PDB file of all heavy atoms in Angstrom:
ATOM      1  N   ASP A   1     -17.558  12.167 -84.732  1.00  0.00           N
ATOM      2  CA  ASP A   1     -18.268  12.822 -85.787  1.00  0.00           C
ATOM      3  C   ASP A   1     -19.743  12.997 -85.436  1.00  0.00           C
ATOM      4  O   ASP A   1     -20.375  13.984 -85.789  1.00  0.00           O
ATOM      5  CB  ASP A   1     -18.133  12.028 -87.106  1.00  0.00           C
ATOM      6  CG  ASP A   1     -18.517  10.548 -86.953  1.00  0.00           C
ATOM      7  OD1 ASP A   1     -18.559  10.055 -85.794  1.00  0.00           O
ATOM      8  OD2 ASP A   1     -18.795   9.894 -87.965  1.00  0.00           O
ATOM      9  N   GLU A   2     -20.285  12.037 -84.719  1.00  0.00           N
ATOM     10  CA  GLU A   2     -21.671  12.162 -84.271  1.00  0.00           C
ATOM     11  C   GLU A   2     -21.845  13.120 -83.107  1.00  0.00           C
ATOM     12  O   GLU A   2     -22.771  13.911 -83.027  1.00  0.00           O
ATOM     13  CB  GLU A   2     -22.241  10.781 -83.875  1.00  0.00           C
ATOM     14  CG  GLU A   2     -22.339   9.781 -85.004  1.00  0.00           C
ATOM     15  CD  GLU A   2     -22.839   8.442 -84.517  1.00  0.00           C
ATOM     16  OE1 GLU A   2     -23.953   8.447 -83.902  1.00  0.00           O
ATOM     17  OE2 GLU A   2     -22.149   7.410 -84.694  1.00  0.00           O
ATOM     18  N   ILE A   3     -20.906  13.043 -82.159  1.00  0.00           N
ATOM     19  CA  ILE A   3     -20.964  13.911 -80.959  1.00  0.00           C
ATOM     20  C   ILE A   3     -20.903  15.376 -81.328  1.00  0.00           C
ATOM     21  O   ILE A   3     -21.620  16.228 -80.780  1.00  0.00           O
ATOM     22  CB  ILE A   3     -19.842  13.518 -79.988  1.00  0.00           C
ATOM     23  CG1 ILE A   3     -20.123  12.147 -79.374  1.00  0.00           C
ATOM     24  CG2 ILE A   3     -19.675  14.578 -78.891  1.00  0.00           C
ATOM     25  CD1 ILE A   3     -18.990  11.603 -78.501  1.00  0.00           C
ATOM     26  N   ARG A   4     -20.048  15.686 -82.331  1.00  0.00           N
ATOM     27  CA  ARG A   4     -19.921  17.073 -82.731  1.00  0.00           C
ATOM     28  C   ARG A   4     -20.813  17.452 -83.908  1.00  0.00           C
ATOM     29  O   ARG A   4     -20.865  18.624 -84.299  1.00  0.00           O
ATOM     30  CB  ARG A   4     -18.447  17.330 -83.147  1.00  0.00           C
ATOM     31  CG  ARG A   4     -17.447  17.129 -82.009  1.00  0.00           C
ATOM     32  CD  ARG A   4     -16.036  17.431 -82.467  1.00  0.00           C
ATOM     33  NE  ARG A   4     -15.043  17.268 -81.402  1.00  0.00           N
ATOM     34  CZ  ARG A   4     -13.994  16.448 -81.426  1.00  0.00           C
ATOM     35  NH1 ARG A   4     -13.767  15.696 -82.457  1.00  0.00           N
ATOM     36  NH2 ARG A   4     -13.180  16.383 -80.391  1.00  0.00           N
ATOM     37  N   GLY A   5     -21.480  16.449 -84.447  1.00  0.00           N
ATOM     38  CA  GLY A   5     -22.222  16.640 -85.710  1.00  0.00           C
ATOM     39  C   GLY A   5     -23.286  17.734 -85.675  1.00  0.00           C
ATOM     40  O   GLY A   5     -23.562  18.386 -86.671  1.00  0.00           O
ATOM     41  N   SER A   6     -23.934  17.917 -84.550  1.00  0.00           N
ATOM     42  CA  SER A   6     -25.047  18.879 -84.470  1.00  0.00           C
ATOM     43  C   SER A   6     -24.613  20.257 -84.091  1.00  0.00           C
ATOM     44  O   SER A   6     -25.449  21.199 -83.961  1.00  0.00           O
ATOM     45  CB  SER A   6     -26.089  18.363 -83.452  1.00  0.00           C
ATOM     46  OG  SER A   6     -25.512  18.269 -82.166  1.00  0.00           O
ATOM     47  N   GLU A   7     -23.307  20.466 -83.871  1.00  0.00           N
ATOM     48  CA  GLU A   7     -22.822  21.758 -83.409  1.00  0.00           C
ATOM     49  C   GLU A   7     -22.710  22.760 -84.562  1.00  0.00           C
ATOM     50  O   GLU A   7     -22.432  22.367 -85.701  1.00  0.00           O
ATOM     51  CB  GLU A   7     -21.452  21.619 -82.749  1.00  0.00           C
ATOM     52  CG  GLU A   7     -21.453  20.730 -81.521  1.00  0.00           C
ATOM     53  CD  GLU A   7     -22.311  21.259 -80.362  1.00  0.00           C
ATOM     54  OE1 GLU A   7     -22.444  22.509 -80.291  1.00  0.00           O
ATOM     55  OE2 GLU A   7     -22.809  20.458 -79.579  1.00  0.00           O
ATOM     56  N   TYR A   8     -22.923  24.026 -84.232  1.00  0.00           N
ATOM     57  CA  TYR A   8     -22.864  25.085 -85.258  1.00  0.00           C
ATOM     58  C   TYR A   8     -21.416  25.299 -85.800  1.00  0.00           C
ATOM     59  O   TYR A   8     -21.227  25.416 -86.998  1.00  0.00           O
ATOM     60  CB  TYR A   8     -23.365  26.377 -84.654  1.00  0.00           C
ATOM     61  CG  TYR A   8     -23.435  27.568 -85.541  1.00  0.00           C
ATOM     62  CD1 TYR A   8     -24.241  27.603 -86.655  1.00  0.00           C
ATOM     63  CD2 TYR A   8     -22.576  28.710 -85.322  1.00  0.00           C
ATOM     64  CE1 TYR A   8     -24.280  28.680 -87.512  1.00  0.00           C
ATOM     65  CE2 TYR A   8     -22.627  29.787 -86.172  1.00  0.00           C
ATOM     66  CZ  TYR A   8     -23.479  29.783 -87.280  1.00  0.00           C
ATOM     67  OH  TYR A   8     -23.496  30.866 -88.109  1.00  0.00           O
ATOM     68  N   LEU A   9     -20.441  25.197 -84.880  1.00  0.00           N
ATOM     69  CA  LEU A   9     -19.037  25.359 -85.267  1.00  0.00           C
ATOM     70  C   LEU A   9     -18.225  24.247 -84.595  1.00  0.00           C
ATOM     71  O   LEU A   9     -17.487  24.457 -83.636  1.00  0.00           O
ATOM     72  CB  LEU A   9     -18.475  26.732 -84.817  1.00  0.00           C
ATOM     73  CG  LEU A   9     -19.085  27.965 -85.469  1.00  0.00           C
ATOM     74  CD1 LEU A   9     -18.617  29.221 -84.754  1.00  0.00           C
ATOM     75  CD2 LEU A   9     -18.741  28.041 -86.951  1.00  0.00           C
ATOM     76  N   PRO A  10     -18.392  22.987 -85.052  1.00  0.00           N
ATOM     77  CA  PRO A  10     -17.690  21.873 -84.428  1.00  0.00           C
ATOM     78  C   PRO A  10     -16.172  22.010 -84.531  1.00  0.00           C
ATOM     79  O   PRO A  10     -15.631  22.535 -85.506  1.00  0.00           O
ATOM     80  CB  PRO A  10     -18.193  20.645 -85.225  1.00  0.00           C
ATOM     81  CG  PRO A  10     -18.596  21.217 -86.582  1.00  0.00           C
ATOM     82  CD  PRO A  10     -19.106  22.609 -86.268  1.00  0.00           C
ATOM     83  N   THR A  11     -15.488  21.483 -83.513  1.00  0.00           N
ATOM     84  CA  THR A  11     -13.996  21.561 -83.516  1.00  0.00           C
ATOM     85  C   THR A  11     -13.394  20.466 -82.711  1.00  0.00           C
ATOM     86  O   THR A  11     -14.059  19.934 -81.744  1.00  0.00           O
ATOM     87  CB  THR A  11     -13.543  22.918 -83.006  1.00  0.00           C
ATOM     88  OG1 THR A  11     -12.145  23.019 -83.163  1.00  0.00           O
ATOM     89  CG2 THR A  11     -13.839  23.066 -81.510  1.00  0.00           C
ATOM     90  N   SER A  12     -12.153  20.094 -83.048  1.00  0.00           N
ATOM     91  CA  SER A  12     -11.385  19.178 -82.189  1.00  0.00           C
ATOM     92  C   SER A  12     -10.215  19.929 -81.575  1.00  0.00           C
ATOM     93  O   SER A  12      -9.345  19.321 -80.948  1.00  0.00           O
ATOM     94  CB  SER A  12     -10.843  18.010 -83.033  1.00  0.00           C
ATOM     95  OG  SER A  12      -9.962  18.481 -84.061  1.00  0.00           O
ATOM     96  N   ARG A  13     -10.183  21.275 -81.734  1.00  0.00           N
ATOM     97  CA  ARG A  13      -9.093  22.103 -81.205  1.00  0.00           C
ATOM     98  C   ARG A  13      -9.566  22.893 -80.006  1.00  0.00           C
ATOM     99  O   ARG A  13     -10.768  23.152 -79.868  1.00  0.00           O
ATOM    100  CB  ARG A  13      -8.624  23.042 -82.268  1.00  0.00           C
ATOM    101  CG  ARG A  13      -7.972  22.396 -83.480  1.00  0.00           C
ATOM    102  CD  ARG A  13      -7.895  23.302 -84.664  1.00  0.00           C
ATOM    103  NE  ARG A  13      -7.569  24.678 -84.306  1.00  0.00           N
ATOM    104  CZ  ARG A  13      -7.769  25.701 -85.122  1.00  0.00           C
ATOM    105  NH1 ARG A  13      -8.330  25.514 -86.280  1.00  0.00           N
ATOM    106  NH2 ARG A  13      -7.434  26.924 -84.712  1.00  0.00           N
ATOM    107  N   LEU A  14      -8.646  23.276 -79.166  1.00  0.00           N
ATOM    108  CA  LEU A  14      -8.958  24.101 -78.004  1.00  0.00           C
ATOM    109  C   LEU A  14      -8.900  25.603 -78.366  1.00  0.00           C
ATOM    110  O   LEU A  14      -9.893  26.327 -78.114  1.00  0.00           O
ATOM    111  CB  LEU A  14      -8.002  23.811 -76.860  1.00  0.00           C
ATOM    112  CG  LEU A  14      -8.104  24.717 -75.616  1.00  0.00           C
ATOM    113  CD1 LEU A  14      -9.524  24.611 -74.992  1.00  0.00           C
ATOM    114  CD2 LEU A  14      -7.050  24.391 -74.601  1.00  0.00           C
ATOM    115  N   VAL A  15      -7.785  26.030 -78.905  1.00  0.00           N
ATOM    116  CA  VAL A  15      -7.621  27.478 -79.221  1.00  0.00           C
ATOM    117  C   VAL A  15      -8.310  27.791 -80.569  1.00  0.00           C
ATOM    118  O   VAL A  15      -7.984  27.172 -81.559  1.00  0.00           O
ATOM    119  CB  VAL A  15      -6.146  27.851 -79.281  1.00  0.00           C
ATOM    120  CG1 VAL A  15      -5.976  29.332 -79.606  1.00  0.00           C
ATOM    121  CG2 VAL A  15      -5.457  27.532 -77.925  1.00  0.00           C
ATOM    122  N   PRO A  16      -9.210  28.744 -80.587  1.00  0.00           N
ATOM    123  CA  PRO A  16      -9.827  29.152 -81.874  1.00  0.00           C
ATOM    124  C   PRO A  16      -8.755  29.652 -82.838  1.00  0.00           C
ATOM    125  O   PRO A  16      -7.665  30.034 -82.429  1.00  0.00           O
ATOM    126  CB  PRO A  16     -10.800  30.283 -81.469  1.00  0.00           C
ATOM    127  CG  PRO A  16     -11.090  30.041 -80.024  1.00  0.00           C
ATOM    128  CD  PRO A  16      -9.822  29.471 -79.453  1.00  0.00           C
ATOM    129  N   GLU A  17      -9.126  29.715 -84.108  1.00  0.00           N
ATOM    130  CA  GLU A  17      -8.161  30.064 -85.100  1.00  0.00           C
ATOM    131  C   GLU A  17      -7.638  31.468 -84.953  1.00  0.00           C
ATOM    132  O   GLU A  17      -8.402  32.449 -84.761  1.00  0.00           O
ATOM    133  CB  GLU A  17      -8.817  29.975 -86.497  1.00  0.00           C
ATOM    134  CG  GLU A  17      -7.859  30.171 -87.668  1.00  0.00           C
ATOM    135  CD  GLU A  17      -8.447  29.849 -89.022  1.00  0.00           C
ATOM    136  OE1 GLU A  17      -9.508  29.162 -89.029  1.00  0.00           O
ATOM    137  OE2 GLU A  17      -7.914  30.277 -90.033  1.00  0.00           O
ATOM    138  N   ILE A  18      -6.305  31.624 -84.974  1.00  0.00           N
ATOM    139  CA  ILE A  18      -5.603  32.894 -84.808  1.00  0.00           C
ATOM    140  C   ILE A  18      -4.527  32.942 -85.876  1.00  0.00           C
ATOM    141  O   ILE A  18      -3.834  31.961 -86.117  1.00  0.00           O
ATOM    142  CB  ILE A  18      -4.941  33.014 -83.443  1.00  0.00           C
ATOM    143  CG1 ILE A  18      -5.991  33.019 -82.306  1.00  0.00           C
ATOM    144  CG2 ILE A  18      -4.097  34.260 -83.315  1.00  0.00           C
ATOM    145  CD1 ILE A  18      -5.395  33.026 -80.915  1.00  0.00           C
ATOM    146  N   PRO A  19      -4.366  34.047 -86.581  1.00  0.00           N
ATOM    147  CA  PRO A  19      -3.330  34.159 -87.584  1.00  0.00           C
ATOM    148  C   PRO A  19      -1.970  33.783 -87.034  1.00  0.00           C
ATOM    149  O   PRO A  19      -1.588  34.207 -85.917  1.00  0.00           O
ATOM    150  CB  PRO A  19      -3.350  35.649 -88.015  1.00  0.00           C
ATOM    151  CG  PRO A  19      -4.788  36.070 -87.707  1.00  0.00           C
ATOM    152  CD  PRO A  19      -5.193  35.302 -86.491  1.00  0.00           C
ATOM    153  N   ASN A  20      -1.209  32.951 -87.753  1.00  0.00           N
ATOM    154  CA  ASN A  20       0.159  32.522 -87.420  1.00  0.00           C
ATOM    155  C   ASN A  20       0.234  31.511 -86.287  1.00  0.00           C
ATOM    156  O   ASN A  20       1.327  31.080 -85.953  1.00  0.00           O
ATOM    157  CB  ASN A  20       1.035  33.721 -87.112  1.00  0.00           C
ATOM    158  CG  ASN A  20       1.102  34.722 -88.233  1.00  0.00           C
ATOM    159  OD1 ASN A  20       1.213  34.372 -89.411  1.00  0.00           O
ATOM    160  ND2 ASN A  20       0.987  36.018 -87.924  1.00  0.00           N
ATOM    161  N   TYR A  21      -0.894  31.186 -85.672  1.00  0.00           N
ATOM    162  CA  TYR A  21      -0.898  30.151 -84.623  1.00  0.00           C
ATOM    163  C   TYR A  21      -0.976  28.780 -85.287  1.00  0.00           C
ATOM    164  O   TYR A  21      -1.726  28.578 -86.227  1.00  0.00           O
ATOM    165  CB  TYR A  21      -2.006  30.356 -83.641  1.00  0.00           C
ATOM    166  CG  TYR A  21      -2.028  29.418 -82.457  1.00  0.00           C
ATOM    167  CD1 TYR A  21      -1.159  29.628 -81.395  1.00  0.00           C
ATOM    168  CD2 TYR A  21      -2.885  28.316 -82.438  1.00  0.00           C
ATOM    169  CE1 TYR A  21      -1.149  28.759 -80.312  1.00  0.00           C
ATOM    170  CE2 TYR A  21      -2.877  27.448 -81.364  1.00  0.00           C
ATOM    171  CZ  TYR A  21      -2.008  27.661 -80.291  1.00  0.00           C
ATOM    172  OH  TYR A  21      -1.982  26.811 -79.237  1.00  0.00           O
ATOM    173  N   PRO A  22      -0.193  27.772 -84.805  1.00  0.00           N
ATOM    174  CA  PRO A  22      -0.200  26.447 -85.460  1.00  0.00           C
ATOM    175  C   PRO A  22      -1.605  25.843 -85.555  1.00  0.00           C
ATOM    176  O   PRO A  22      -2.402  25.916 -84.623  1.00  0.00           O
ATOM    177  CB  PRO A  22       0.683  25.631 -84.498  1.00  0.00           C
ATOM    178  CG  PRO A  22       1.546  26.590 -83.801  1.00  0.00           C
ATOM    179  CD  PRO A  22       0.703  27.856 -83.652  1.00  0.00           C
ATOM    180  N   GLN A  23      -1.856  25.258 -86.709  1.00  0.00           N
ATOM    181  CA  GLN A  23      -3.126  24.625 -86.969  1.00  0.00           C
ATOM    182  C   GLN A  23      -2.980  23.118 -86.976  1.00  0.00           C
ATOM    183  O   GLN A  23      -2.206  22.588 -87.758  1.00  0.00           O
ATOM    184  CB  GLN A  23      -3.707  25.092 -88.315  1.00  0.00           C
ATOM    185  CG  GLN A  23      -3.800  26.635 -88.446  1.00  0.00           C
ATOM    186  CD  GLN A  23      -4.834  27.193 -87.567  1.00  0.00           C
ATOM    187  OE1 GLN A  23      -5.932  26.712 -87.463  1.00  0.00           O
ATOM    188  NE2 GLN A  23      -4.478  28.286 -86.886  1.00  0.00           N
ATOM    189  N   PHE A  24      -3.630  22.453 -86.078  1.00  0.00           N
ATOM    190  CA  PHE A  24      -3.642  20.980 -86.074  1.00  0.00           C
ATOM    191  C   PHE A  24      -4.956  20.540 -85.432  1.00  0.00           C
ATOM    192  O   PHE A  24      -5.702  21.300 -84.905  1.00  0.00           O
ATOM    193  CB  PHE A  24      -2.422  20.424 -85.288  1.00  0.00           C
ATOM    194  CG  PHE A  24      -2.361  20.933 -83.879  1.00  0.00           C
ATOM    195  CD1 PHE A  24      -3.049  20.311 -82.868  1.00  0.00           C
ATOM    196  CD2 PHE A  24      -1.563  22.033 -83.538  1.00  0.00           C
ATOM    197  CE1 PHE A  24      -3.024  20.798 -81.577  1.00  0.00           C
ATOM    198  CE2 PHE A  24      -1.495  22.512 -82.269  1.00  0.00           C
ATOM    199  CZ  PHE A  24      -2.227  21.871 -81.242  1.00  0.00           C
ATOM    200  N   LYS A  25      -5.161  19.240 -85.492  1.00  0.00           N
ATOM    201  CA  LYS A  25      -6.430  18.672 -85.044  1.00  0.00           C
ATOM    202  C   LYS A  25      -6.193  17.737 -83.876  1.00  0.00           C
ATOM    203  O   LYS A  25      -5.153  17.075 -83.780  1.00  0.00           O
ATOM    204  CB  LYS A  25      -7.139  17.958 -86.172  1.00  0.00           C
ATOM    205  CG  LYS A  25      -7.497  18.862 -87.353  1.00  0.00           C
ATOM    206  CD  LYS A  25      -8.119  18.074 -88.475  1.00  0.00           C
ATOM    207  CE  LYS A  25      -8.484  19.008 -89.651  1.00  0.00           C
ATOM    208  NZ  LYS A  25      -9.082  18.261 -90.796  1.00  0.00           N
ATOM    209  N   GLY A  26      -7.199  17.671 -83.002  1.00  0.00           N
ATOM    210  CA  GLY A  26      -7.175  16.727 -81.900  1.00  0.00           C
ATOM    211  C   GLY A  26      -7.795  15.386 -82.307  1.00  0.00           C
ATOM    212  O   GLY A  26      -7.822  15.039 -83.496  1.00  0.00           O
ATOM    213  N   ILE A  27      -8.324  14.638 -81.364  1.00  0.00           N
ATOM    214  CA  ILE A  27      -8.946  13.347 -81.645  1.00  0.00           C
ATOM    215  C   ILE A  27     -10.278  13.561 -82.366  1.00  0.00           C
ATOM    216  O   ILE A  27     -11.138  14.276 -81.834  1.00  0.00           O
ATOM    217  CB  ILE A  27      -9.141  12.547 -80.337  1.00  0.00           C
ATOM    218  CG1 ILE A  27      -7.777  12.215 -79.771  1.00  0.00           C
ATOM    219  CG2 ILE A  27      -9.944  11.280 -80.635  1.00  0.00           C
ATOM    220  CD1 ILE A  27      -7.800  11.557 -78.391  1.00  0.00           C
TER     221      ILE A  27
END
């Protein structure tokens, strides 16, 4: 939460959001 906290668009996923693509979270 701290490492990603200062980012404009923080994420725990590799593939950006795409319609119909599975949505889940990493660590």
